[in-house]
Amino acid sequence: MALFFECMPSCARKVLDTADIVRDGDVTPTEAGSIREEYNFVMFAFNGDKRGQLGVCLGISLLAFLFSVSAPAQQSTSIEGQLVRDSPERFLAKHHVSTTQEAVVSALNHDDPEVRKAASHVLSSHWPKEAVAPLEAAMLQENDERTRIAIASDLAELGYKAGREMLTTECHNAREWGTTRILAARMLTQIHDNSCVDAILEILQSDSDPQDTLAKIDALDLVTMFTNHSTPQEYRKVLDLVMNALNDPDLGVRLTASVTLGRLGDASAIPALQVALASEQEETVRSAMLVELKRLRSLQQEIGRASCRERV
């Protein structure tokens, strides 16, 4: 527990991206909803924490623990998903696929979608010029949405238009789960392509889907990745959507919206946080709001002092 007691708001920021569990493993939004129920229970259990900040961090951190207890099979999948992302060569070796170019290209047709993802990552990083044709063919015939997005992302990172176009198509596909659409948007946003910003805003504009709440959480997490390139009018629209999310029915969305406002560092959000705090019933979310209010007020004071120095 000593480690947990060192876990402060900065820790909450790092752990808050709970959507990694869904992105890294093939966890369906329905399964994620069950995990969310466990998450809400933990948040309730820590509502009595007088330190507040600890409750925020503990509640979110223990989501991973609950995930491993309540869904061991999915946890195993999630660990494998992380291995695909962080060490695809090791993942292929674990599945008896040698890392020769021929073997890796052949693995693009493997029965396991995670193997296909790993093969795409290895091929694009080790043989970027030779990878384009087999990756594009694999992307076009891929039936698993997340694997198709992973292959498209590898192509896009190599600078090929086909990958960007596929990611743009995926993020705008209203028939898909929101988490899948936001995954595609994340991949594009990471390479400084704002083609999916409108899809992100679409998800932010509505209340979270009870069966897919992680979609809006993940959308909020992307906000700071594209607002630096927005016009003042676009930025204001996004800021308004984040402030509106403070009133979302889902506890996790409200908490994430609070942290996102802190990350944006815009003191104009202080009144919205104050109003949300006055009506917020969940103590853990209240604690997060107080942390971010303190952060924004400090920034406001710093700006005020700097303005005074400039006048002098």
C-alpha atoms as a PDB file:
ATOM      1  CA  MET A   1       0.000   0.000   0.000  1.00  0.00           C
ATOM      2  CA  ALA A   2       2.975   2.328   0.440  1.00  0.00           C
ATOM      3  CA  LEU A   3       3.147   2.797  -3.306  1.00  0.00           C
ATOM      4  CA  PHE A   4      -0.529   3.737  -3.433  1.00  0.00           C
ATOM      5  CA  PHE A   5      -0.053   6.387  -0.767  1.00  0.00           C
ATOM      6  CA  GLU A   6       2.500   8.096  -3.031  1.00  0.00           C
ATOM      7  CA  CYS A   7      -0.083   8.161  -5.800  1.00  0.00           C
ATOM      8  CA  MET A   8      -1.231  11.764  -6.180  1.00  0.00           C
ATOM      9  CA  PRO A   9      -3.035  13.725  -8.917  1.00  0.00           C
ATOM     10  CA  SER A  10      -0.125  13.270 -11.341  1.00  0.00           C
ATOM     11  CA  CYS A  11      -0.565   9.533 -10.904  1.00  0.00           C
ATOM     12  CA  ALA A  12      -4.278   9.845 -11.552  1.00  0.00           C
ATOM     13  CA  ARG A  13      -3.490  11.561 -14.851  1.00  0.00           C
ATOM     14  CA  LYS A  14      -1.228   8.725 -15.955  1.00  0.00           C
ATOM     15  CA  VAL A  15      -3.575   5.955 -14.892  1.00  0.00           C
ATOM     16  CA  LEU A  16      -6.717   7.710 -16.084  1.00  0.00           C
ATOM     17  CA  ASP A  17      -6.384   6.339 -19.579  1.00  0.00           C
ATOM     18  CA  THR A  18      -8.316   3.214 -18.623  1.00  0.00           C
ATOM     19  CA  ALA A  19      -9.291   2.790 -22.245  1.00  0.00           C
ATOM     20  CA  ASP A  20      -5.885   1.142 -22.742  1.00  0.00           C
ATOM     21  CA  ILE A  21      -7.494  -2.027 -21.410  1.00  0.00           C
ATOM     22  CA  VAL A  22      -9.959  -1.944 -24.260  1.00  0.00           C
ATOM     23  CA  ARG A  23      -7.515  -0.763 -26.919  1.00  0.00           C
ATOM     24  CA  ASP A  24      -4.708  -3.188 -26.063  1.00  0.00           C
ATOM     25  CA  GLY A  25      -6.937  -6.223 -25.653  1.00  0.00           C
ATOM     26  CA  ASP A  26      -9.906  -7.352 -27.663  1.00  0.00           C
ATOM     27  CA  VAL A  27     -12.358  -6.379 -24.924  1.00  0.00           C
ATOM     28  CA  THR A  28     -15.784  -5.587 -26.298  1.00  0.00           C
ATOM     29  CA  PRO A  29     -17.680  -2.487 -25.147  1.00  0.00           C
ATOM     30  CA  THR A  30     -20.160  -4.784 -23.392  1.00  0.00           C
ATOM     31  CA  GLU A  31     -17.339  -6.400 -21.406  1.00  0.00           C
ATOM     32  CA  ALA A  32     -15.965  -2.942 -20.698  1.00  0.00           C
ATOM     33  CA  GLY A  33     -19.366  -2.002 -19.281  1.00  0.00           C
ATOM     34  CA  SER A  34     -19.113  -4.829 -16.748  1.00  0.00           C
ATOM     35  CA  ILE A  35     -15.677  -3.616 -15.765  1.00  0.00           C
ATOM     36  CA  ARG A  36     -17.089  -0.107 -15.425  1.00  0.00           C
ATOM     37  CA  GLU A  37     -19.579  -1.397 -12.833  1.00  0.00           C
ATOM     38  CA  GLU A  38     -16.688  -2.793 -10.801  1.00  0.00           C
ATOM     39  CA  TYR A  39     -14.874   0.514 -11.267  1.00  0.00           C
ATOM     40  CA  ASN A  40     -17.830   2.477  -9.900  1.00  0.00           C
ATOM     41  CA  PHE A  41     -17.931   0.173  -6.886  1.00  0.00           C
ATOM     42  CA  VAL A  42     -14.283   0.856  -6.102  1.00  0.00           C
ATOM     43  CA  MET A  43     -14.791   4.596  -6.533  1.00  0.00           C
ATOM     44  CA  PHE A  44     -17.672   4.387  -4.045  1.00  0.00           C
ATOM     45  CA  ALA A  45     -15.530   2.395  -1.613  1.00  0.00           C
ATOM     46  CA  PHE A  46     -12.937   5.147  -1.526  1.00  0.00           C
ATOM     47  CA  ASN A  47     -15.374   8.026  -1.228  1.00  0.00           C
ATOM     48  CA  GLY A  48     -14.613   8.234   2.491  1.00  0.00           C
ATOM     49  CA  ASP A  49     -10.920   8.888   1.890  1.00  0.00           C
ATOM     50  CA  LYS A  50     -10.103  12.192   3.591  1.00  0.00           C
ATOM     51  CA  ARG A  51      -7.119  12.806   1.353  1.00  0.00           C
ATOM     52  CA  GLY A  52      -9.394  12.860  -1.704  1.00  0.00           C
ATOM     53  CA  GLN A  53      -6.518  12.752  -4.147  1.00  0.00           C
ATOM     54  CA  LEU A  54      -5.685   9.258  -2.953  1.00  0.00           C
ATOM     55  CA  GLY A  55      -9.259   8.171  -3.588  1.00  0.00           C
ATOM     56  CA  VAL A  56      -9.080   9.401  -7.180  1.00  0.00           C
ATOM     57  CA  CYS A  57      -5.859   7.554  -7.862  1.00  0.00           C
ATOM     58  CA  LEU A  58      -6.734   4.397  -5.982  1.00  0.00           C
ATOM     59  CA  GLY A  59     -10.144   4.095  -7.588  1.00  0.00           C
ATOM     60  CA  ILE A  60      -8.723   4.308 -11.078  1.00  0.00           C
ATOM     61  CA  SER A  61      -5.616   2.240 -10.376  1.00  0.00           C
ATOM     62  CA  LEU A  62      -7.587  -0.614  -8.852  1.00  0.00           C
ATOM     63  CA  LEU A  63      -9.656  -0.871 -12.027  1.00  0.00           C
ATOM     64  CA  ALA A  64      -6.773  -2.856 -13.493  1.00  0.00           C
ATOM     65  CA  PHE A  65      -6.772  -5.146 -10.449  1.00  0.00           C
ATOM     66  CA  LEU A  66     -10.524  -5.706 -10.650  1.00  0.00           C
ATOM     67  CA  PHE A  67     -10.125  -6.389 -14.335  1.00  0.00           C
ATOM     68  CA  SER A  68      -7.651  -9.180 -13.589  1.00  0.00           C
ATOM     69  CA  VAL A  69      -9.908 -10.661 -10.896  1.00  0.00           C
ATOM     70  CA  SER A  70     -13.250 -10.457 -12.703  1.00  0.00           C
ATOM     71  CA  ALA A  71     -12.017 -11.274 -16.197  1.00  0.00           C
ATOM     72  CA  PRO A  72      -8.778 -13.306 -16.107  1.00  0.00           C
ATOM     73  CA  ALA A  73      -9.170 -14.436 -19.713  1.00  0.00           C
ATOM     74  CA  GLN A  74      -9.553 -10.858 -20.904  1.00  0.00           C
ATOM     75  CA  GLN A  75      -6.632  -9.803 -18.705  1.00  0.00           C
ATOM     76  CA  SER A  76      -4.442 -12.359 -20.426  1.00  0.00           C
ATOM     77  CA  THR A  77      -5.581 -10.960 -23.766  1.00  0.00           C
ATOM     78  CA  SER A  78      -4.787  -7.444 -22.591  1.00  0.00           C
ATOM     79  CA  ILE A  79      -1.262  -8.448 -21.541  1.00  0.00           C
ATOM     80  CA  GLU A  80      -0.738 -10.067 -24.922  1.00  0.00           C
ATOM     81  CA  GLY A  81      -2.088  -6.925 -26.586  1.00  0.00           C
ATOM     82  CA  GLN A  82       0.487  -4.845 -24.735  1.00  0.00           C
ATOM     83  CA  LEU A  83       3.217  -7.231 -25.879  1.00  0.00           C
ATOM     84  CA  VAL A  84       2.008  -6.823 -29.483  1.00  0.00           C
ATOM     85  CA  ARG A  85       2.407  -3.068 -29.135  1.00  0.00           C
ATOM     86  CA  ASP A  86       5.648  -2.927 -27.118  1.00  0.00           C
ATOM     87  CA  SER A  87       7.562  -5.934 -28.415  1.00  0.00           C
ATOM     88  CA  PRO A  88       5.955  -7.415 -31.537  1.00  0.00           C
ATOM     89  CA  GLU A  89       9.066  -9.458 -32.318  1.00  0.00           C
ATOM     90  CA  ARG A  90       8.789 -11.261 -28.972  1.00  0.00           C
ATOM     91  CA  PHE A  91       5.091 -11.775 -29.546  1.00  0.00           C
ATOM     92  CA  LEU A  92       5.724 -13.395 -32.932  1.00  0.00           C
ATOM     93  CA  ALA A  93       8.443 -15.609 -31.468  1.00  0.00           C
ATOM     94  CA  LYS A  94       6.005 -16.681 -28.725  1.00  0.00           C
ATOM     95  CA  HIS A  95       3.655 -17.787 -31.500  1.00  0.00           C
ATOM     96  CA  HIS A  96       6.418 -19.599 -33.367  1.00  0.00           C
ATOM     97  CA  VAL A  97       6.737 -17.058 -36.168  1.00  0.00           C
ATOM     98  CA  SER A  98      10.327 -16.335 -37.177  1.00  0.00           C
ATOM     99  CA  THR A  99      11.227 -12.729 -37.904  1.00  0.00           C
ATOM    100  CA  THR A 100      12.326 -13.250 -41.472  1.00  0.00           C
ATOM    101  CA  GLN A 101      10.617 -11.052 -44.045  1.00  0.00           C
ATOM    102  CA  GLU A 102       8.939 -14.013 -45.724  1.00  0.00           C
ATOM    103  CA  ALA A 103       7.624 -15.445 -42.450  1.00  0.00           C
ATOM    104  CA  VAL A 104       6.339 -12.079 -41.254  1.00  0.00           C
ATOM    105  CA  VAL A 105       4.504 -11.415 -44.529  1.00  0.00           C
ATOM    106  CA  SER A 106       2.960 -14.873 -44.260  1.00  0.00           C
ATOM    107  CA  ALA A 107       1.856 -14.076 -40.681  1.00  0.00           C
ATOM    108  CA  LEU A 108      -0.380 -11.295 -42.031  1.00  0.00           C
ATOM    109  CA  ASN A 109      -2.775 -14.156 -42.868  1.00  0.00           C
ATOM    110  CA  HIS A 110      -2.493 -15.885 -39.471  1.00  0.00           C
ATOM    111  CA  ASP A 111      -5.704 -17.045 -37.755  1.00  0.00           C
ATOM    112  CA  ASP A 112      -4.947 -14.954 -34.654  1.00  0.00           C
ATOM    113  CA  PRO A 113      -5.674 -11.225 -35.184  1.00  0.00           C
ATOM    114  CA  GLU A 114      -3.050 -10.307 -32.576  1.00  0.00           C
ATOM    115  CA  VAL A 115      -0.423 -12.152 -34.610  1.00  0.00           C
ATOM    116  CA  ARG A 116      -1.554 -10.251 -37.691  1.00  0.00           C
ATOM    117  CA  LYS A 117      -1.156  -6.961 -35.800  1.00  0.00           C
ATOM    118  CA  ALA A 118       2.323  -7.928 -34.603  1.00  0.00           C
ATOM    119  CA  ALA A 119       3.319  -8.973 -38.125  1.00  0.00           C
ATOM    120  CA  SER A 120       2.195  -5.596 -39.436  1.00  0.00           C
ATOM    121  CA  HIS A 121       4.231  -3.745 -36.805  1.00  0.00           C
ATOM    122  CA  VAL A 122       7.373  -5.794 -37.458  1.00  0.00           C
ATOM    123  CA  LEU A 123       7.067  -5.599 -41.229  1.00  0.00           C
ATOM    124  CA  SER A 124       6.613  -1.821 -41.260  1.00  0.00           C
ATOM    125  CA  SER A 125       9.518  -1.206 -38.879  1.00  0.00           C
ATOM    126  CA  HIS A 126      12.064  -3.652 -40.345  1.00  0.00           C
ATOM    127  CA  TRP A 127      11.222  -3.525 -44.064  1.00  0.00           C
ATOM    128  CA  PRO A 128       9.357  -0.240 -44.612  1.00  0.00           C
ATOM    129  CA  LYS A 129       9.784  -0.123 -48.399  1.00  0.00           C
ATOM    130  CA  GLU A 130       8.861  -3.740 -48.974  1.00  0.00           C
ATOM    131  CA  ALA A 131       6.011  -3.573 -46.449  1.00  0.00           C
ATOM    132  CA  VAL A 132       3.659  -1.296 -48.372  1.00  0.00           C
ATOM    133  CA  ALA A 133       2.156  -3.740 -50.879  1.00  0.00           C
ATOM    134  CA  PRO A 134       1.550  -6.670 -48.476  1.00  0.00           C
ATOM    135  CA  LEU A 135       0.250  -4.333 -45.757  1.00  0.00           C
ATOM    136  CA  GLU A 136      -2.219  -2.652 -48.091  1.00  0.00           C
ATOM    137  CA  ALA A 137      -3.456  -6.028 -49.326  1.00  0.00           C
ATOM    138  CA  ALA A 138      -3.799  -7.297 -45.753  1.00  0.00           C
ATOM    139  CA  MET A 139      -5.627  -4.138 -44.684  1.00  0.00           C
ATOM    140  CA  LEU A 140      -8.181  -4.426 -47.473  1.00  0.00           C
ATOM    141  CA  GLN A 141      -8.985  -8.070 -46.725  1.00  0.00           C
ATOM    142  CA  GLU A 142      -8.964  -7.727 -42.914  1.00  0.00           C
ATOM    143  CA  ASN A 143     -12.329  -8.418 -41.257  1.00  0.00           C
ATOM    144  CA  ASP A 144     -11.369  -7.574 -37.671  1.00  0.00           C
ATOM    145  CA  GLU A 145     -11.898  -3.828 -37.170  1.00  0.00           C
ATOM    146  CA  ARG A 146      -9.141  -3.299 -34.617  1.00  0.00           C
ATOM    147  CA  THR A 147      -6.610  -5.257 -36.624  1.00  0.00           C
ATOM    148  CA  ARG A 148      -7.554  -3.323 -39.758  1.00  0.00           C
ATOM    149  CA  ILE A 149      -7.006  -0.080 -37.850  1.00  0.00           C
ATOM    150  CA  ALA A 150      -3.621  -1.298 -36.601  1.00  0.00           C
ATOM    151  CA  ILE A 151      -2.464  -2.162 -40.129  1.00  0.00           C
ATOM    152  CA  ALA A 152      -3.826   1.122 -41.494  1.00  0.00           C
ATOM    153  CA  SER A 153      -1.945   2.967 -38.759  1.00  0.00           C
ATOM    154  CA  ASP A 154       1.326   1.283 -39.730  1.00  0.00           C
ATOM    155  CA  LEU A 155       0.756   2.282 -43.350  1.00  0.00           C
ATOM    156  CA  ALA A 156      -0.121   5.833 -42.359  1.00  0.00           C
ATOM    157  CA  GLU A 157       3.033   6.138 -40.259  1.00  0.00           C
ATOM    158  CA  LEU A 158       5.025   5.077 -43.310  1.00  0.00           C
ATOM    159  CA  GLY A 159       3.486   8.056 -45.098  1.00  0.00           C
ATOM    160  CA  TYR A 160       1.090   6.198 -47.359  1.00  0.00           C
ATOM    161  CA  LYS A 161      -2.256   7.740 -48.226  1.00  0.00           C
ATOM    162  CA  ALA A 162      -4.145   4.436 -48.194  1.00  0.00           C
ATOM    163  CA  GLY A 163      -3.523   4.064 -44.460  1.00  0.00           C
ATOM    164  CA  ARG A 164      -4.760   7.561 -43.654  1.00  0.00           C
ATOM    165  CA  GLU A 165      -7.831   7.089 -45.820  1.00  0.00           C
ATOM    166  CA  MET A 166      -8.726   3.830 -44.067  1.00  0.00           C
ATOM    167  CA  LEU A 167      -8.345   5.406 -40.627  1.00  0.00           C
ATOM    168  CA  THR A 168     -10.530   8.311 -41.723  1.00  0.00           C
ATOM    169  CA  THR A 169     -13.173   5.879 -42.961  1.00  0.00           C
ATOM    170  CA  GLU A 170     -13.069   3.907 -39.712  1.00  0.00           C
ATOM    171  CA  CYS A 171     -13.420   6.910 -37.422  1.00  0.00           C
ATOM    172  CA  HIS A 172     -16.469   8.116 -39.375  1.00  0.00           C
ATOM    173  CA  ASN A 173     -18.171   4.713 -39.469  1.00  0.00           C
ATOM    174  CA  ALA A 174     -21.286   5.325 -37.368  1.00  0.00           C
ATOM    175  CA  ARG A 175     -22.096   1.598 -37.401  1.00  0.00           C
ATOM    176  CA  GLU A 176     -19.017   0.842 -35.276  1.00  0.00           C
ATOM    177  CA  TRP A 177     -18.692   1.062 -31.513  1.00  0.00           C
ATOM    178  CA  GLY A 178     -17.486   4.463 -30.369  1.00  0.00           C
ATOM    179  CA  THR A 179     -14.342   2.960 -28.843  1.00  0.00           C
ATOM    180  CA  THR A 180     -13.386   1.528 -32.240  1.00  0.00           C
ATOM    181  CA  ARG A 181     -13.986   4.858 -33.975  1.00  0.00           C
ATOM    182  CA  ILE A 182     -11.937   6.714 -31.382  1.00  0.00           C
ATOM    183  CA  LEU A 183      -9.127   4.186 -31.736  1.00  0.00           C
ATOM    184  CA  ALA A 184      -8.867   5.097 -35.424  1.00  0.00           C
ATOM    185  CA  ALA A 185      -9.041   8.787 -34.519  1.00  0.00           C
ATOM    186  CA  ARG A 186      -6.231   8.340 -32.008  1.00  0.00           C
ATOM    187  CA  MET A 187      -3.973   6.749 -34.605  1.00  0.00           C
ATOM    188  CA  LEU A 188      -4.480   9.668 -36.988  1.00  0.00           C
ATOM    189  CA  THR A 189      -4.162  12.311 -34.291  1.00  0.00           C
ATOM    190  CA  GLN A 190      -0.849  10.822 -33.190  1.00  0.00           C
ATOM    191  CA  ILE A 191       0.601  11.570 -36.625  1.00  0.00           C
ATOM    192  CA  HIS A 192      -0.799  15.126 -36.509  1.00  0.00           C
ATOM    193  CA  ASP A 193      -3.680  14.467 -38.893  1.00  0.00           C
ATOM    194  CA  ASN A 194      -6.933  16.121 -37.809  1.00  0.00           C
ATOM    195  CA  SER A 195      -9.193  14.330 -40.293  1.00  0.00           C
ATOM    196  CA  CYS A 196     -11.067  12.615 -37.440  1.00  0.00           C
ATOM    197  CA  VAL A 197     -11.595  15.637 -35.206  1.00  0.00           C
ATOM    198  CA  ASP A 198     -15.228  15.937 -36.297  1.00  0.00           C
ATOM    199  CA  ALA A 199     -15.799  12.282 -35.310  1.00  0.00           C
ATOM    200  CA  ILE A 200     -14.264  12.966 -31.883  1.00  0.00           C
ATOM    201  CA  LEU A 201     -16.514  15.998 -31.445  1.00  0.00           C
ATOM    202  CA  GLU A 202     -19.559  13.948 -32.465  1.00  0.00           C
ATOM    203  CA  ILE A 203     -18.922  11.545 -29.596  1.00  0.00           C
ATOM    204  CA  LEU A 204     -18.268  14.404 -27.179  1.00  0.00           C
ATOM    205  CA  GLN A 205     -21.510  16.130 -28.124  1.00  0.00           C
ATOM    206  CA  SER A 206     -23.764  13.357 -26.829  1.00  0.00           C
ATOM    207  CA  ASP A 207     -24.144  11.715 -23.443  1.00  0.00           C
ATOM    208  CA  SER A 208     -21.983   8.654 -23.003  1.00  0.00           C
ATOM    209  CA  ASP A 209     -23.390   5.365 -24.212  1.00  0.00           C
ATOM    210  CA  PRO A 210     -24.031   3.170 -21.120  1.00  0.00           C
ATOM    211  CA  GLN A 211     -22.725   0.205 -23.114  1.00  0.00           C
ATOM    212  CA  ASP A 212     -19.683   2.065 -24.427  1.00  0.00           C
ATOM    213  CA  THR A 213     -18.726   4.747 -21.887  1.00  0.00           C
ATOM    214  CA  LEU A 214     -15.015   4.369 -22.615  1.00  0.00           C
ATOM    215  CA  ALA A 215     -15.583   5.954 -26.027  1.00  0.00           C
ATOM    216  CA  LYS A 216     -16.277   9.357 -24.511  1.00  0.00           C
ATOM    217  CA  ILE A 217     -13.504   8.946 -21.933  1.00  0.00           C
ATOM    218  CA  ASP A 218     -11.053   8.202 -24.731  1.00  0.00           C
ATOM    219  CA  ALA A 219     -12.395  11.095 -26.811  1.00  0.00           C
ATOM    220  CA  LEU A 220     -11.759  13.456 -23.893  1.00  0.00           C
ATOM    221  CA  ASP A 221      -8.238  12.081 -23.586  1.00  0.00           C
ATOM    222  CA  LEU A 222      -7.555  13.086 -27.203  1.00  0.00           C
ATOM    223  CA  VAL A 223      -8.628  16.719 -26.747  1.00  0.00           C
ATOM    224  CA  THR A 224      -5.220  18.079 -25.788  1.00  0.00           C
ATOM    225  CA  MET A 225      -3.642  16.348 -28.787  1.00  0.00           C
ATOM    226  CA  PHE A 226      -5.426  18.486 -31.375  1.00  0.00           C
ATOM    227  CA  THR A 227      -6.491  21.729 -29.697  1.00  0.00           C
ATOM    228  CA  ASN A 228      -3.038  23.270 -30.149  1.00  0.00           C
ATOM    229  CA  HIS A 229      -3.727  23.327 -33.886  1.00  0.00           C
ATOM    230  CA  SER A 230      -7.279  24.651 -33.613  1.00  0.00           C
ATOM    231  CA  THR A 231      -8.562  28.108 -34.467  1.00  0.00           C
ATOM    232  CA  PRO A 232      -9.862  30.176 -31.510  1.00  0.00           C
ATOM    233  CA  GLN A 233     -13.452  29.393 -32.573  1.00  0.00           C
ATOM    234  CA  GLU A 234     -12.741  25.660 -32.856  1.00  0.00           C
ATOM    235  CA  TYR A 235     -10.944  25.645 -29.520  1.00  0.00           C
ATOM    236  CA  ARG A 236     -13.860  27.358 -27.804  1.00  0.00           C
ATOM    237  CA  LYS A 237     -16.271  24.750 -29.178  1.00  0.00           C
ATOM    238  CA  VAL A 238     -14.091  21.938 -27.870  1.00  0.00           C
ATOM    239  CA  LEU A 239     -13.687  23.612 -24.485  1.00  0.00           C
ATOM    240  CA  ASP A 240     -17.465  23.978 -24.208  1.00  0.00           C
ATOM    241  CA  LEU A 241     -17.918  20.275 -24.975  1.00  0.00           C
ATOM    242  CA  VAL A 242     -15.395  19.296 -22.301  1.00  0.00           C
ATOM    243  CA  MET A 243     -17.122  21.552 -19.763  1.00  0.00           C
ATOM    244  CA  ASN A 244     -20.497  20.033 -20.719  1.00  0.00           C
ATOM    245  CA  ALA A 245     -19.032  16.580 -20.045  1.00  0.00           C
ATOM    246  CA  LEU A 246     -18.764  17.589 -16.384  1.00  0.00           C
ATOM    247  CA  ASN A 247     -22.510  16.840 -16.270  1.00  0.00           C
ATOM    248  CA  ASP A 248     -22.380  13.488 -18.075  1.00  0.00           C
ATOM    249  CA  PRO A 249     -24.350  10.625 -16.448  1.00  0.00           C
ATOM    250  CA  ASP A 250     -21.183   8.500 -16.256  1.00  0.00           C
ATOM    251  CA  LEU A 251     -18.889   9.033 -13.277  1.00  0.00           C
ATOM    252  CA  GLY A 252     -15.751   8.188 -15.251  1.00  0.00           C
ATOM    253  CA  VAL A 253     -16.604  10.702 -17.966  1.00  0.00           C
ATOM    254  CA  ARG A 254     -17.115  13.469 -15.407  1.00  0.00           C
ATOM    255  CA  LEU A 255     -13.804  12.647 -13.749  1.00  0.00           C
ATOM    256  CA  THR A 256     -11.969  12.577 -17.080  1.00  0.00           C
ATOM    257  CA  ALA A 257     -13.554  15.876 -18.117  1.00  0.00           C
ATOM    258  CA  SER A 258     -12.233  17.448 -14.908  1.00  0.00           C
ATOM    259  CA  VAL A 259      -8.708  16.212 -15.535  1.00  0.00           C
ATOM    260  CA  THR A 260      -8.883  17.272 -19.195  1.00  0.00           C
ATOM    261  CA  LEU A 261      -9.771  20.832 -18.167  1.00  0.00           C
ATOM    262  CA  GLY A 262      -6.748  20.829 -15.893  1.00  0.00           C
ATOM    263  CA  ARG A 263      -4.551  19.636 -18.732  1.00  0.00           C
ATOM    264  CA  LEU A 264      -5.885  22.363 -21.010  1.00  0.00           C
ATOM    265  CA  GLY A 265      -4.884  24.904 -18.383  1.00  0.00           C
ATOM    266  CA  ASP A 266      -7.607  27.376 -19.339  1.00  0.00           C
ATOM    267  CA  ALA A 267      -8.731  29.473 -16.379  1.00  0.00           C
ATOM    268  CA  SER A 268     -11.970  30.328 -18.161  1.00  0.00           C
ATOM    269  CA  ALA A 269     -13.129  26.809 -17.200  1.00  0.00           C
ATOM    270  CA  ILE A 270     -13.066  27.682 -13.486  1.00  0.00           C
ATOM    271  CA  PRO A 271     -16.762  28.791 -13.311  1.00  0.00           C
ATOM    272  CA  ALA A 272     -17.914  25.567 -15.019  1.00  0.00           C
ATOM    273  CA  LEU A 273     -15.890  23.460 -12.589  1.00  0.00           C
ATOM    274  CA  GLN A 274     -17.313  25.409  -9.654  1.00  0.00           C
ATOM    275  CA  VAL A 275     -20.890  24.862 -10.826  1.00  0.00           C
ATOM    276  CA  ALA A 276     -20.246  21.147 -11.461  1.00  0.00           C
ATOM    277  CA  LEU A 277     -18.603  20.790  -8.056  1.00  0.00           C
ATOM    278  CA  ALA A 278     -21.644  22.297  -6.334  1.00  0.00           C
ATOM    279  CA  SER A 279     -23.940  19.594  -7.743  1.00  0.00           C
ATOM    280  CA  GLU A 280     -21.526  16.621  -7.851  1.00  0.00           C
ATOM    281  CA  GLN A 281     -22.584  13.811  -5.496  1.00  0.00           C
ATOM    282  CA  GLU A 282     -19.664  11.417  -5.982  1.00  0.00           C
ATOM    283  CA  GLU A 283     -16.917  12.313  -3.532  1.00  0.00           C
ATOM    284  CA  THR A 284     -14.134  10.949  -5.733  1.00  0.00           C
ATOM    285  CA  VAL A 285     -15.194  13.127  -8.650  1.00  0.00           C
ATOM    286  CA  ARG A 286     -15.512  16.087  -6.280  1.00  0.00           C
ATOM    287  CA  SER A 287     -11.938  15.467  -5.163  1.00  0.00           C
ATOM    288  CA  ALA A 288     -10.724  15.485  -8.767  1.00  0.00           C
ATOM    289  CA  MET A 289     -12.624  18.699  -9.464  1.00  0.00           C
ATOM    290  CA  LEU A 290     -11.054  20.356  -6.423  1.00  0.00           C
ATOM    291  CA  VAL A 291      -7.580  19.318  -7.569  1.00  0.00           C
ATOM    292  CA  GLU A 292      -8.139  20.793 -11.031  1.00  0.00           C
ATOM    293  CA  LEU A 293      -9.734  23.961  -9.635  1.00  0.00           C
ATOM    294  CA  LYS A 294      -6.645  24.501  -7.505  1.00  0.00           C
ATOM    295  CA  ARG A 295      -4.444  23.943 -10.552  1.00  0.00           C
ATOM    296  CA  LEU A 296      -6.373  26.405 -12.716  1.00  0.00           C
ATOM    297  CA  ARG A 297      -6.516  29.033  -9.985  1.00  0.00           C
ATOM    298  CA  SER A 298      -2.736  28.774  -9.572  1.00  0.00           C
ATOM    299  CA  LEU A 299      -2.317  29.275 -13.314  1.00  0.00           C
ATOM    300  CA  GLN A 300      -4.688  32.233 -13.189  1.00  0.00           C
ATOM    301  CA  GLN A 301      -2.629  33.821 -10.409  1.00  0.00           C
ATOM    302  CA  GLU A 302       0.614  33.256 -12.303  1.00  0.00           C
ATOM    303  CA  ILE A 303      -0.848  34.926 -15.394  1.00  0.00           C
ATOM    304  CA  GLY A 304      -2.014  37.829 -13.268  1.00  0.00           C
ATOM    305  CA  ARG A 305       1.414  38.289 -11.694  1.00  0.00           C
ATOM    306  CA  ALA A 306       3.102  38.123 -15.102  1.00  0.00           C
ATOM    307  CA  SER A 307       0.691  40.745 -16.428  1.00  0.00           C
ATOM    308  CA  CYS A 308       1.524  43.050 -13.508  1.00  0.00           C
ATOM    309  CA  ARG A 309       5.258  42.660 -14.116  1.00  0.00           C
ATOM    310  CA  GLU A 310       4.801  43.564 -17.771  1.00  0.00           C
ATOM    311  CA  ARG A 311       2.982  46.776 -16.817  1.00  0.00           C
ATOM    312  CA  VAL A 312       5.789  47.737 -14.452  1.00  0.00           C
END
